[in-house]
């Protein structure tokens, strides 16, 4: 099964665990779509856990699954501020969009309490200025309530595989948002629940091309 009939998707992850927390269920559910997961940094500037160990957590998380429809990519840059926006765009174009044929770019939202998520969300339109890439935003733990999703993906049994993945982010397990109660709440939407959709991931389609 393909995700929205896409063959290849580029996922922009500002930090380790952003893509895994926000959209790994979609990857697990759609084995006929390939996802290039690009982790741009080793973590946030003021986060004491930032470092290469967090990249190992990303690798370990995916290794708990039987998924083969993804590729992990790491920029080698520790902090986002080490590059300017023009340098980041050039890096992504040179190493990804000019080398590969993508149908979609998935990224964070401009309505986010993490300023680096806001910055990364601005990359998508620039990267799609020539090519007809669909742009889809994913909900992260820091996405603000003013952001309104228009696509809900029911995770079915994949949700429990996703929760197992997230247990590999050992440096973050002490945070409330990695606890079962908050995780279940993050993946819950009332309208979806009452229609029998169970746990879901939330997305917003910004631009779509067939």
N, C-alpha and C. Protein backbone atom coordinates (compact mmCIF):
# COMPACT_ATOMS: atom_id res chain seq x y z
N UNK A 1 0.84 -1.20 0.00
CA UNK A 1 0.00 0.00 0.00
C UNK A 1 0.88 1.25 0.00
N UNK A 2 0.48 2.24 -0.81
CA UNK A 2 1.22 3.50 -0.89
C UNK A 2 0.53 4.58 -0.07
N UNK A 3 1.32 5.50 0.42
CA UNK A 3 0.81 6.68 1.12
C UNK A 3 0.42 7.72 0.08
N UNK A 4 -0.88 7.97 -0.06
CA UNK A 4 -1.42 8.94 -1.01
C UNK A 4 -0.88 8.73 -2.44
N UNK A 5 -0.59 7.50 -2.77
CA UNK A 5 -0.10 7.11 -4.08
C UNK A 5 1.30 7.66 -4.39
N UNK A 6 2.04 8.05 -3.36
CA UNK A 6 3.40 8.54 -3.55
C UNK A 6 4.38 7.37 -3.67
N UNK A 7 5.38 7.54 -4.54
CA UNK A 7 6.46 6.56 -4.64
C UNK A 7 7.60 6.90 -3.69
N UNK A 8 7.98 8.19 -3.65
CA UNK A 8 9.13 8.61 -2.85
C UNK A 8 8.82 9.91 -2.11
N UNK A 9 9.15 9.91 -0.84
CA UNK A 9 8.86 11.05 0.03
C UNK A 9 10.14 11.46 0.76
N UNK A 10 10.39 12.76 0.83
CA UNK A 10 11.49 13.30 1.62
C UNK A 10 10.94 13.86 2.91
N UNK A 11 11.41 13.35 4.04
CA UNK A 11 10.94 13.79 5.36
C UNK A 11 12.02 14.64 6.01
N UNK A 12 11.69 15.87 6.35
CA UNK A 12 12.64 16.76 7.02
C UNK A 12 12.43 16.67 8.53
N UNK A 13 13.47 16.24 9.23
CA UNK A 13 13.42 16.09 10.67
C UNK A 13 14.40 17.07 11.30
N UNK A 14 13.93 18.13 11.94
CA UNK A 14 14.85 19.11 12.52
C UNK A 14 15.82 18.49 13.52
N UNK A 15 15.32 17.54 14.32
CA UNK A 15 16.13 16.92 15.37
C UNK A 15 15.88 15.41 15.39
N UNK A 16 16.75 14.66 16.03
CA UNK A 16 16.48 13.23 16.23
C UNK A 16 15.17 13.06 17.02
N UNK A 17 14.36 12.16 16.59
CA UNK A 17 13.06 11.75 17.15
C UNK A 17 11.87 12.53 16.60
N UNK A 18 12.08 13.65 15.89
CA UNK A 18 10.93 14.41 15.38
C UNK A 18 10.12 13.59 14.38
N UNK A 19 10.78 13.01 13.41
CA UNK A 19 10.06 12.19 12.42
C UNK A 19 9.48 10.95 13.06
N UNK A 20 10.24 10.32 13.94
CA UNK A 20 9.78 9.07 14.55
C UNK A 20 8.55 9.31 15.43
N UNK A 21 8.57 10.37 16.21
CA UNK A 21 7.45 10.67 17.10
C UNK A 21 6.22 11.08 16.29
N UNK A 22 6.45 11.81 15.22
CA UNK A 22 5.34 12.45 14.51
C UNK A 22 4.74 11.60 13.41
N UNK A 23 5.55 10.83 12.68
CA UNK A 23 5.03 10.21 11.46
C UNK A 23 5.56 8.82 11.16
N UNK A 24 6.18 8.16 12.12
CA UNK A 24 6.69 6.82 11.82
C UNK A 24 5.57 5.83 11.55
N UNK A 25 4.38 6.07 12.08
CA UNK A 25 3.25 5.19 11.81
C UNK A 25 2.90 5.14 10.33
N UNK A 26 2.98 6.29 9.68
CA UNK A 26 2.71 6.35 8.23
C UNK A 26 3.73 5.52 7.47
N UNK A 27 4.99 5.60 7.89
CA UNK A 27 6.04 4.82 7.23
C UNK A 27 5.76 3.33 7.39
N UNK A 28 5.44 2.91 8.60
CA UNK A 28 5.19 1.49 8.87
C UNK A 28 3.96 0.98 8.13
N UNK A 29 2.97 1.82 7.96
CA UNK A 29 1.69 1.39 7.37
C UNK A 29 1.74 1.31 5.85
N UNK A 30 2.70 2.02 5.22
CA UNK A 30 2.70 2.13 3.77
C UNK A 30 4.02 1.62 3.18
N UNK A 31 4.18 0.30 3.12
CA UNK A 31 5.46 -0.29 2.69
C UNK A 31 5.80 -0.07 1.22
N UNK A 32 4.83 0.36 0.42
CA UNK A 32 5.10 0.57 -1.01
C UNK A 32 5.49 2.01 -1.34
N UNK A 33 5.61 2.85 -0.33
CA UNK A 33 6.17 4.20 -0.48
C UNK A 33 7.52 4.22 0.22
N UNK A 34 8.52 4.78 -0.45
CA UNK A 34 9.85 4.89 0.17
C UNK A 34 10.00 6.26 0.81
N UNK A 35 10.51 6.28 2.03
CA UNK A 35 10.68 7.51 2.78
C UNK A 35 12.17 7.75 3.04
N UNK A 36 12.70 8.85 2.52
CA UNK A 36 14.03 9.31 2.88
C UNK A 36 13.89 10.21 4.09
N UNK A 37 14.42 9.78 5.22
CA UNK A 37 14.31 10.53 6.47
C UNK A 37 15.62 11.27 6.71
N UNK A 38 15.56 12.58 6.60
CA UNK A 38 16.75 13.42 6.73
C UNK A 38 16.74 14.12 8.09
N UNK A 39 17.62 13.66 8.98
CA UNK A 39 17.77 14.29 10.30
C UNK A 39 18.83 15.38 10.17
N UNK A 40 18.42 16.61 10.31
CA UNK A 40 19.30 17.73 10.00
C UNK A 40 20.34 18.02 11.08
N UNK A 41 20.06 17.70 12.32
CA UNK A 41 20.97 18.04 13.41
C UNK A 41 21.09 16.88 14.39
N UNK A 42 21.91 17.10 15.42
CA UNK A 42 22.04 16.12 16.50
C UNK A 42 21.19 16.50 17.71
N UNK A 43 20.40 17.56 17.58
CA UNK A 43 19.54 18.00 18.67
C UNK A 43 19.51 19.51 18.76
N UNK A 44 18.85 20.01 19.78
CA UNK A 44 18.72 21.45 19.98
C UNK A 44 19.94 22.06 20.64
N UNK A 45 20.12 23.36 20.45
CA UNK A 45 21.29 24.08 20.94
C UNK A 45 21.40 24.05 22.46
N UNK A 46 20.28 24.13 23.15
CA UNK A 46 20.30 24.20 24.62
C UNK A 46 19.92 22.86 25.27
N UNK A 47 19.95 21.80 24.50
CA UNK A 47 19.59 20.47 25.00
C UNK A 47 20.88 19.72 25.37
N UNK A 48 21.00 19.36 26.63
CA UNK A 48 22.22 18.72 27.10
C UNK A 48 22.40 17.31 26.52
N UNK A 49 21.35 16.74 25.95
CA UNK A 49 21.46 15.39 25.37
C UNK A 49 21.93 15.43 23.92
N UNK A 50 22.05 16.62 23.34
CA UNK A 50 22.45 16.75 21.94
C UNK A 50 23.81 16.10 21.69
N UNK A 51 23.88 15.30 20.64
CA UNK A 51 25.13 14.62 20.30
C UNK A 51 24.86 13.41 19.44
N UNK A 52 25.93 12.72 19.06
CA UNK A 52 25.80 11.58 18.14
C UNK A 52 25.03 10.43 18.76
N UNK A 53 24.98 10.35 20.09
CA UNK A 53 24.22 9.28 20.73
C UNK A 53 22.74 9.35 20.36
N UNK A 54 22.26 10.55 20.11
CA UNK A 54 20.85 10.68 19.74
C UNK A 54 20.61 10.17 18.33
N UNK A 55 21.62 10.24 17.48
CA UNK A 55 21.48 9.66 16.14
C UNK A 55 21.42 8.14 16.24
N UNK A 56 22.17 7.58 17.18
CA UNK A 56 22.11 6.13 17.40
C UNK A 56 20.71 5.72 17.86
N UNK A 57 20.05 6.59 18.63
CA UNK A 57 18.70 6.28 19.07
C UNK A 57 17.75 6.19 17.88
N UNK A 58 17.94 7.06 16.89
CA UNK A 58 17.12 7.00 15.67
C UNK A 58 17.33 5.66 14.97
N UNK A 59 18.58 5.28 14.80
CA UNK A 59 18.89 4.00 14.14
C UNK A 59 18.29 2.84 14.92
N UNK A 60 18.47 2.85 16.23
CA UNK A 60 17.96 1.76 17.07
C UNK A 60 16.44 1.68 17.00
N UNK A 61 15.78 2.83 16.94
CA UNK A 61 14.31 2.83 16.88
C UNK A 61 13.81 2.10 15.64
N UNK A 62 14.41 2.42 14.49
CA UNK A 62 13.96 1.79 13.25
C UNK A 62 14.33 0.31 13.21
N UNK A 63 15.40 -0.06 13.88
CA UNK A 63 15.81 -1.45 13.87
C UNK A 63 14.88 -2.34 14.68
N UNK A 64 13.99 -1.75 15.48
CA UNK A 64 12.99 -2.56 16.19
C UNK A 64 11.88 -3.00 15.25
N UNK A 65 11.83 -2.45 14.05
CA UNK A 65 10.76 -2.77 13.10
C UNK A 65 11.28 -3.69 12.00
N UNK A 66 10.35 -4.20 11.22
CA UNK A 66 10.70 -5.00 10.05
C UNK A 66 10.60 -4.16 8.78
N UNK A 67 10.43 -2.85 8.91
CA UNK A 67 10.27 -1.96 7.76
C UNK A 67 11.54 -1.92 6.92
N UNK A 68 11.35 -1.89 5.61
CA UNK A 68 12.48 -1.77 4.68
C UNK A 68 12.29 -0.59 3.72
N UNK A 69 11.21 0.16 3.90
CA UNK A 69 10.85 1.23 2.95
C UNK A 69 11.33 2.60 3.41
N UNK A 70 12.46 2.64 4.08
CA UNK A 70 12.99 3.92 4.55
C UNK A 70 14.51 3.92 4.40
N UNK A 71 15.07 5.13 4.32
CA UNK A 71 16.51 5.32 4.38
C UNK A 71 16.78 6.45 5.36
N UNK A 72 17.74 6.27 6.24
CA UNK A 72 18.11 7.29 7.20
C UNK A 72 19.30 8.09 6.69
N UNK A 73 19.22 9.41 6.84
CA UNK A 73 20.29 10.29 6.40
C UNK A 73 20.57 11.30 7.52
N UNK A 74 21.85 11.52 7.79
CA UNK A 74 22.26 12.46 8.83
C UNK A 74 23.21 13.49 8.21
N UNK A 75 22.95 14.74 8.48
CA UNK A 75 23.72 15.82 7.83
C UNK A 75 25.16 15.91 8.33
N UNK A 76 25.42 15.43 9.53
CA UNK A 76 26.74 15.59 10.13
C UNK A 76 26.91 16.92 10.85
N UNK A 77 25.84 17.73 10.84
CA UNK A 77 25.86 19.03 11.52
C UNK A 77 25.26 18.87 12.92
N UNK A 78 25.90 19.45 13.93
CA UNK A 78 25.41 19.29 15.30
C UNK A 78 24.23 20.22 15.58
N UNK A 79 24.39 21.51 15.27
CA UNK A 79 23.35 22.48 15.57
C UNK A 79 22.83 23.14 14.30
N UNK A 80 21.56 23.45 14.27
CA UNK A 80 20.95 24.07 13.10
C UNK A 80 21.61 25.41 12.77
N UNK A 81 22.02 26.14 13.79
CA UNK A 81 22.58 27.48 13.61
C UNK A 81 23.94 27.47 12.92
N UNK A 82 24.54 26.31 12.77
CA UNK A 82 25.85 26.23 12.12
C UNK A 82 25.77 26.56 10.63
N UNK A 83 24.60 26.43 10.05
CA UNK A 83 24.37 26.79 8.64
C UNK A 83 23.31 27.87 8.56
N UNK A 84 23.45 28.75 7.58
CA UNK A 84 22.39 29.69 7.29
C UNK A 84 21.31 29.00 6.46
N UNK A 85 20.18 29.67 6.28
CA UNK A 85 19.08 29.08 5.51
C UNK A 85 19.54 28.74 4.10
N UNK A 86 20.30 29.65 3.47
CA UNK A 86 20.76 29.40 2.10
C UNK A 86 21.66 28.17 2.04
N UNK A 87 22.47 27.96 3.07
CA UNK A 87 23.35 26.79 3.09
C UNK A 87 22.55 25.50 3.29
N UNK A 88 21.53 25.56 4.12
CA UNK A 88 20.69 24.38 4.32
C UNK A 88 19.94 24.02 3.04
N UNK A 89 19.39 25.02 2.38
CA UNK A 89 18.67 24.76 1.13
C UNK A 89 19.61 24.16 0.10
N UNK A 90 20.78 24.72 -0.02
CA UNK A 90 21.77 24.20 -0.98
C UNK A 90 22.15 22.76 -0.63
N UNK A 91 22.32 22.48 0.64
CA UNK A 91 22.67 21.12 1.07
C UNK A 91 21.57 20.12 0.69
N UNK A 92 20.31 20.48 0.96
CA UNK A 92 19.20 19.57 0.67
C UNK A 92 19.02 19.39 -0.83
N UNK A 93 19.13 20.48 -1.57
CA UNK A 93 19.00 20.38 -3.02
C UNK A 93 20.12 19.54 -3.62
N UNK A 94 21.35 19.81 -3.22
CA UNK A 94 22.51 19.12 -3.79
C UNK A 94 22.49 17.63 -3.49
N UNK A 95 22.11 17.27 -2.28
CA UNK A 95 22.21 15.88 -1.86
C UNK A 95 20.92 15.07 -1.98
N UNK A 96 19.80 15.77 -2.19
CA UNK A 96 18.52 15.05 -2.21
C UNK A 96 17.63 15.41 -3.40
N UNK A 97 17.12 16.63 -3.45
CA UNK A 97 16.10 16.92 -4.46
C UNK A 97 16.64 16.93 -5.89
N UNK A 98 17.92 17.22 -6.07
CA UNK A 98 18.50 17.19 -7.41
C UNK A 98 18.97 15.79 -7.81
N UNK A 99 19.05 14.91 -6.83
CA UNK A 99 19.52 13.55 -7.09
C UNK A 99 18.39 12.53 -7.18
N UNK A 100 17.28 12.83 -6.52
CA UNK A 100 16.20 11.86 -6.40
C UNK A 100 14.88 12.44 -6.90
N UNK A 101 14.00 11.56 -7.29
CA UNK A 101 12.67 11.97 -7.77
C UNK A 101 11.66 11.80 -6.64
N UNK A 102 11.26 12.93 -6.06
CA UNK A 102 10.30 12.89 -4.96
C UNK A 102 8.91 13.33 -5.41
N UNK A 103 7.91 12.77 -4.75
CA UNK A 103 6.53 13.21 -4.95
C UNK A 103 6.08 14.19 -3.88
N UNK A 104 6.77 14.16 -2.75
CA UNK A 104 6.27 14.92 -1.60
C UNK A 104 7.41 15.26 -0.64
N UNK A 105 7.28 16.42 0.00
CA UNK A 105 8.15 16.80 1.12
C UNK A 105 7.27 16.89 2.36
N UNK A 106 7.68 16.20 3.42
CA UNK A 106 6.95 16.25 4.69
C UNK A 106 7.81 16.97 5.71
N UNK A 107 7.17 17.87 6.45
CA UNK A 107 7.94 18.74 7.33
C UNK A 107 7.10 19.20 8.52
N UNK A 108 7.72 19.98 9.37
CA UNK A 108 7.05 20.56 10.53
C UNK A 108 6.16 21.73 10.10
N UNK A 109 5.49 22.32 11.07
CA UNK A 109 4.56 23.42 10.80
C UNK A 109 5.14 24.76 11.24
N UNK A 110 4.64 25.82 10.62
CA UNK A 110 5.01 27.17 11.07
C UNK A 110 4.32 27.53 12.39
N UNK A 111 3.28 26.77 12.74
CA UNK A 111 2.58 27.00 14.01
C UNK A 111 3.14 26.03 15.05
N UNK A 112 4.30 26.37 15.60
CA UNK A 112 5.01 25.47 16.49
C UNK A 112 5.73 26.29 17.55
N UNK A 113 5.79 25.76 18.76
CA UNK A 113 6.45 26.49 19.85
C UNK A 113 7.96 26.34 19.83
N UNK A 114 8.48 25.47 18.98
CA UNK A 114 9.93 25.32 18.83
C UNK A 114 10.37 26.11 17.61
N UNK A 115 11.22 27.11 17.83
CA UNK A 115 11.58 28.03 16.75
C UNK A 115 12.32 27.33 15.62
N UNK A 116 13.04 26.24 15.92
CA UNK A 116 13.73 25.53 14.84
C UNK A 116 12.76 24.73 13.98
N UNK A 117 11.67 24.27 14.55
CA UNK A 117 10.62 23.64 13.75
C UNK A 117 9.99 24.66 12.80
N UNK A 118 9.79 25.86 13.30
CA UNK A 118 9.22 26.92 12.47
C UNK A 118 10.15 27.22 11.29
N UNK A 119 11.43 27.30 11.56
CA UNK A 119 12.40 27.59 10.50
C UNK A 119 12.41 26.49 9.44
N UNK A 120 12.45 25.24 9.88
CA UNK A 120 12.49 24.13 8.92
C UNK A 120 11.23 24.09 8.08
N UNK A 121 10.10 24.45 8.66
CA UNK A 121 8.84 24.43 7.89
C UNK A 121 8.91 25.37 6.69
N UNK A 122 9.73 26.41 6.78
CA UNK A 122 9.83 27.38 5.68
C UNK A 122 10.66 26.84 4.52
N UNK A 123 11.38 25.75 4.73
CA UNK A 123 12.23 25.20 3.68
C UNK A 123 11.42 24.58 2.54
N UNK A 124 10.27 24.01 2.88
CA UNK A 124 9.54 23.19 1.91
C UNK A 124 9.14 23.97 0.66
N UNK A 125 8.58 25.14 0.85
CA UNK A 125 8.14 25.93 -0.31
C UNK A 125 9.30 26.30 -1.21
N UNK A 126 10.44 26.61 -0.61
CA UNK A 126 11.63 26.94 -1.40
C UNK A 126 12.11 25.73 -2.18
N UNK A 127 12.11 24.57 -1.54
CA UNK A 127 12.56 23.35 -2.21
C UNK A 127 11.61 22.94 -3.33
N UNK A 128 10.35 23.37 -3.22
CA UNK A 128 9.33 23.00 -4.21
C UNK A 128 9.05 24.13 -5.20
N UNK A 129 9.93 25.12 -5.26
CA UNK A 129 9.63 26.28 -6.09
C UNK A 129 9.65 25.96 -7.59
N UNK A 130 10.33 24.90 -7.98
CA UNK A 130 10.41 24.51 -9.39
C UNK A 130 9.68 23.20 -9.65
N UNK A 131 9.89 22.24 -8.76
CA UNK A 131 9.31 20.91 -8.94
C UNK A 131 7.95 20.77 -8.28
N UNK A 132 7.08 19.96 -8.85
CA UNK A 132 5.73 19.80 -8.31
C UNK A 132 5.68 18.84 -7.12
N UNK A 133 6.37 19.20 -6.05
CA UNK A 133 6.32 18.39 -4.85
C UNK A 133 5.07 18.74 -4.05
N UNK A 134 4.34 17.72 -3.68
CA UNK A 134 3.31 17.95 -2.67
C UNK A 134 4.00 18.31 -1.37
N UNK A 135 3.37 19.16 -0.57
CA UNK A 135 3.92 19.55 0.74
C UNK A 135 2.91 19.16 1.81
N UNK A 136 3.37 18.38 2.75
CA UNK A 136 2.51 17.94 3.85
C UNK A 136 3.22 18.21 5.17
N UNK A 137 2.54 18.85 6.08
CA UNK A 137 3.08 19.11 7.42
C UNK A 137 2.64 18.00 8.37
N UNK A 138 3.53 17.63 9.28
CA UNK A 138 3.16 16.66 10.30
C UNK A 138 3.08 17.35 11.67
N UNK A 139 2.24 16.80 12.50
CA UNK A 139 2.07 17.32 13.86
C UNK A 139 3.19 16.79 14.75
N UNK A 140 3.82 17.69 15.49
CA UNK A 140 4.85 17.29 16.45
C UNK A 140 4.35 17.59 17.86
N UNK A 141 5.05 17.13 18.89
CA UNK A 141 4.61 17.44 20.26
C UNK A 141 4.57 18.93 20.57
N UNK A 142 5.31 19.74 19.80
CA UNK A 142 5.32 21.18 20.05
C UNK A 142 4.44 21.97 19.09
N UNK A 143 3.69 21.28 18.25
CA UNK A 143 2.76 21.97 17.35
C UNK A 143 1.67 22.65 18.16
N UNK A 144 1.36 23.89 17.80
CA UNK A 144 0.37 24.67 18.54
C UNK A 144 -1.06 24.28 18.14
N UNK A 145 -2.00 24.57 19.03
CA UNK A 145 -3.39 24.21 18.78
C UNK A 145 -4.00 24.97 17.61
N UNK A 146 -3.42 26.11 17.23
CA UNK A 146 -3.97 26.88 16.10
C UNK A 146 -3.74 26.17 14.77
N UNK A 147 -2.82 25.22 14.74
CA UNK A 147 -2.59 24.40 13.54
C UNK A 147 -3.76 23.45 13.36
N UNK A 148 -4.32 23.41 12.17
CA UNK A 148 -5.50 22.59 11.92
C UNK A 148 -5.19 21.49 10.91
N UNK A 149 -5.20 20.24 11.33
CA UNK A 149 -4.94 19.14 10.40
C UNK A 149 -6.13 18.90 9.48
N UNK A 150 -5.85 18.36 8.31
CA UNK A 150 -6.93 17.99 7.39
C UNK A 150 -6.75 16.57 6.85
N UNK A 151 -5.80 15.84 7.45
CA UNK A 151 -5.58 14.45 7.08
C UNK A 151 -5.26 13.66 8.33
N UNK A 152 -6.03 12.61 8.56
CA UNK A 152 -5.81 11.73 9.71
C UNK A 152 -5.55 10.32 9.20
N UNK A 153 -4.46 9.73 9.64
CA UNK A 153 -4.10 8.39 9.22
C UNK A 153 -4.28 7.44 10.39
N UNK A 154 -5.22 6.51 10.25
CA UNK A 154 -5.46 5.52 11.30
C UNK A 154 -4.28 4.55 11.36
N UNK A 155 -3.74 4.37 12.54
CA UNK A 155 -2.53 3.56 12.68
C UNK A 155 -2.82 2.08 12.93
N UNK A 156 -4.04 1.77 13.35
CA UNK A 156 -4.41 0.38 13.61
C UNK A 156 -3.36 -0.25 14.53
N UNK A 157 -2.94 -1.47 14.21
CA UNK A 157 -1.96 -2.15 15.08
C UNK A 157 -0.56 -1.57 14.98
N UNK A 158 -0.32 -0.74 13.96
CA UNK A 158 1.00 -0.13 13.81
C UNK A 158 1.32 0.81 14.97
N UNK A 159 0.29 1.26 15.68
CA UNK A 159 0.52 2.17 16.79
C UNK A 159 1.40 1.52 17.86
N UNK A 160 1.18 0.26 18.14
CA UNK A 160 1.93 -0.42 19.19
C UNK A 160 3.37 -0.66 18.74
N UNK A 161 3.58 -0.87 17.44
CA UNK A 161 4.94 -0.95 16.91
C UNK A 161 5.64 0.39 17.04
N UNK A 162 4.90 1.46 16.80
CA UNK A 162 5.46 2.80 16.92
C UNK A 162 5.87 3.08 18.37
N UNK A 163 5.02 2.72 19.32
CA UNK A 163 5.35 2.95 20.73
C UNK A 163 6.60 2.18 21.14
N UNK A 164 6.76 1.00 20.58
CA UNK A 164 7.97 0.24 20.86
C UNK A 164 9.20 0.96 20.31
N UNK A 165 9.07 1.52 19.11
CA UNK A 165 10.16 2.30 18.53
C UNK A 165 10.58 3.43 19.45
N UNK A 166 9.61 4.16 19.96
CA UNK A 166 9.90 5.35 20.75
C UNK A 166 10.60 5.04 22.06
N UNK A 167 10.51 3.81 22.52
CA UNK A 167 11.22 3.42 23.74
C UNK A 167 12.73 3.42 23.55
N UNK A 168 13.18 3.47 22.30
CA UNK A 168 14.62 3.49 22.03
C UNK A 168 15.24 4.87 22.22
N UNK A 169 14.41 5.89 22.40
CA UNK A 169 14.93 7.24 22.64
C UNK A 169 15.18 7.41 24.14
N UNK A 170 16.19 6.69 24.60
CA UNK A 170 16.47 6.60 26.04
C UNK A 170 16.71 7.97 26.67
N UNK A 171 17.30 8.89 25.91
CA UNK A 171 17.62 10.21 26.46
C UNK A 171 16.39 11.06 26.71
N UNK A 172 15.23 10.62 26.19
CA UNK A 172 14.01 11.42 26.30
C UNK A 172 12.91 10.76 27.12
N UNK A 173 13.13 9.56 27.58
CA UNK A 173 12.06 8.81 28.23
C UNK A 173 11.61 9.44 29.55
N UNK A 174 12.45 10.30 30.13
CA UNK A 174 12.04 10.93 31.39
C UNK A 174 11.06 12.07 31.16
N UNK A 175 10.87 12.49 29.92
CA UNK A 175 9.92 13.56 29.62
C UNK A 175 8.49 13.03 29.60
N UNK A 176 7.56 13.88 30.04
CA UNK A 176 6.15 13.49 30.08
C UNK A 176 5.63 13.07 28.72
N UNK A 177 6.10 13.74 27.66
CA UNK A 177 5.51 13.45 26.35
C UNK A 177 5.96 12.11 25.78
N UNK A 178 6.83 11.40 26.48
CA UNK A 178 7.17 10.03 26.08
C UNK A 178 6.45 9.00 26.95
N UNK A 179 5.63 9.45 27.88
CA UNK A 179 4.85 8.54 28.71
C UNK A 179 3.62 8.05 27.97
N UNK A 180 3.09 6.90 28.38
CA UNK A 180 1.95 6.28 27.70
C UNK A 180 0.74 7.20 27.64
N UNK A 181 0.44 7.87 28.74
CA UNK A 181 -0.76 8.71 28.79
C UNK A 181 -0.70 9.83 27.76
N UNK A 182 0.44 10.51 27.69
CA UNK A 182 0.58 11.63 26.74
C UNK A 182 0.67 11.11 25.31
N UNK A 183 1.38 10.01 25.11
CA UNK A 183 1.46 9.43 23.77
C UNK A 183 0.07 9.07 23.24
N UNK A 184 -0.73 8.44 24.08
CA UNK A 184 -2.08 8.07 23.66
C UNK A 184 -2.90 9.32 23.35
N UNK A 185 -2.73 10.36 24.17
CA UNK A 185 -3.45 11.61 23.92
C UNK A 185 -3.02 12.27 22.63
N UNK A 186 -1.73 12.23 22.35
CA UNK A 186 -1.20 12.83 21.12
C UNK A 186 -1.80 12.16 19.89
N UNK A 187 -2.04 10.88 19.97
CA UNK A 187 -2.54 10.11 18.84
C UNK A 187 -4.06 9.94 18.86
N UNK A 188 -4.73 10.77 19.65
CA UNK A 188 -6.18 10.68 19.77
C UNK A 188 -6.86 11.91 19.18
N UNK A 189 -7.88 11.70 18.38
CA UNK A 189 -8.72 12.77 17.86
C UNK A 189 -10.17 12.34 18.07
N UNK A 190 -10.97 13.19 18.72
CA UNK A 190 -12.33 12.81 19.08
C UNK A 190 -13.15 12.39 17.88
N UNK A 191 -13.11 13.19 16.81
CA UNK A 191 -13.90 12.86 15.62
C UNK A 191 -13.47 11.53 15.02
N UNK A 192 -12.18 11.28 15.05
CA UNK A 192 -11.70 9.99 14.53
C UNK A 192 -12.14 8.84 15.43
N UNK A 193 -12.05 9.06 16.74
CA UNK A 193 -12.42 8.01 17.69
C UNK A 193 -13.88 7.61 17.54
N UNK A 194 -14.76 8.61 17.43
CA UNK A 194 -16.19 8.29 17.37
C UNK A 194 -16.58 7.63 16.05
N UNK A 195 -15.66 7.73 15.06
CA UNK A 195 -15.91 7.07 13.77
C UNK A 195 -15.14 5.76 13.65
N UNK A 196 -14.57 5.31 14.78
CA UNK A 196 -13.93 4.01 14.81
C UNK A 196 -12.53 3.96 14.25
N UNK A 197 -11.86 5.12 14.14
CA UNK A 197 -10.53 5.15 13.55
C UNK A 197 -9.41 4.86 14.54
N UNK A 198 -9.70 4.89 15.82
CA UNK A 198 -8.68 4.57 16.82
C UNK A 198 -7.56 5.61 16.86
N UNK A 199 -6.37 5.16 17.16
CA UNK A 199 -5.23 6.06 17.25
C UNK A 199 -4.81 6.51 15.85
N UNK A 200 -4.48 7.80 15.73
CA UNK A 200 -4.17 8.37 14.42
C UNK A 200 -2.93 9.26 14.50
N UNK A 201 -2.33 9.50 13.34
CA UNK A 201 -1.36 10.57 13.16
C UNK A 201 -2.05 11.68 12.39
N UNK A 202 -1.67 12.93 12.69
CA UNK A 202 -2.35 14.10 12.12
C UNK A 202 -1.43 14.86 11.18
N UNK A 203 -2.00 15.25 10.05
CA UNK A 203 -1.24 15.93 9.00
C UNK A 203 -2.06 17.06 8.41
N UNK A 204 -1.35 17.96 7.73
CA UNK A 204 -2.01 19.03 7.00
C UNK A 204 -1.44 19.09 5.59
N UNK A 205 -2.29 18.84 4.62
CA UNK A 205 -1.87 18.93 3.22
C UNK A 205 -1.83 20.41 2.83
N UNK A 206 -0.67 20.91 2.49
CA UNK A 206 -0.50 22.30 2.08
C UNK A 206 -0.68 22.43 0.58
N UNK A 207 -0.01 21.57 -0.16
CA UNK A 207 -0.10 21.53 -1.61
C UNK A 207 -0.10 20.08 -2.04
N UNK A 208 -0.95 19.74 -3.01
CA UNK A 208 -0.99 18.36 -3.48
C UNK A 208 -0.97 18.32 -5.00
N UNK A 209 -0.14 17.44 -5.53
CA UNK A 209 -0.06 17.21 -6.97
C UNK A 209 -0.25 15.72 -7.23
N UNK A 210 -0.99 15.40 -8.27
CA UNK A 210 -1.14 13.99 -8.66
C UNK A 210 0.01 13.62 -9.60
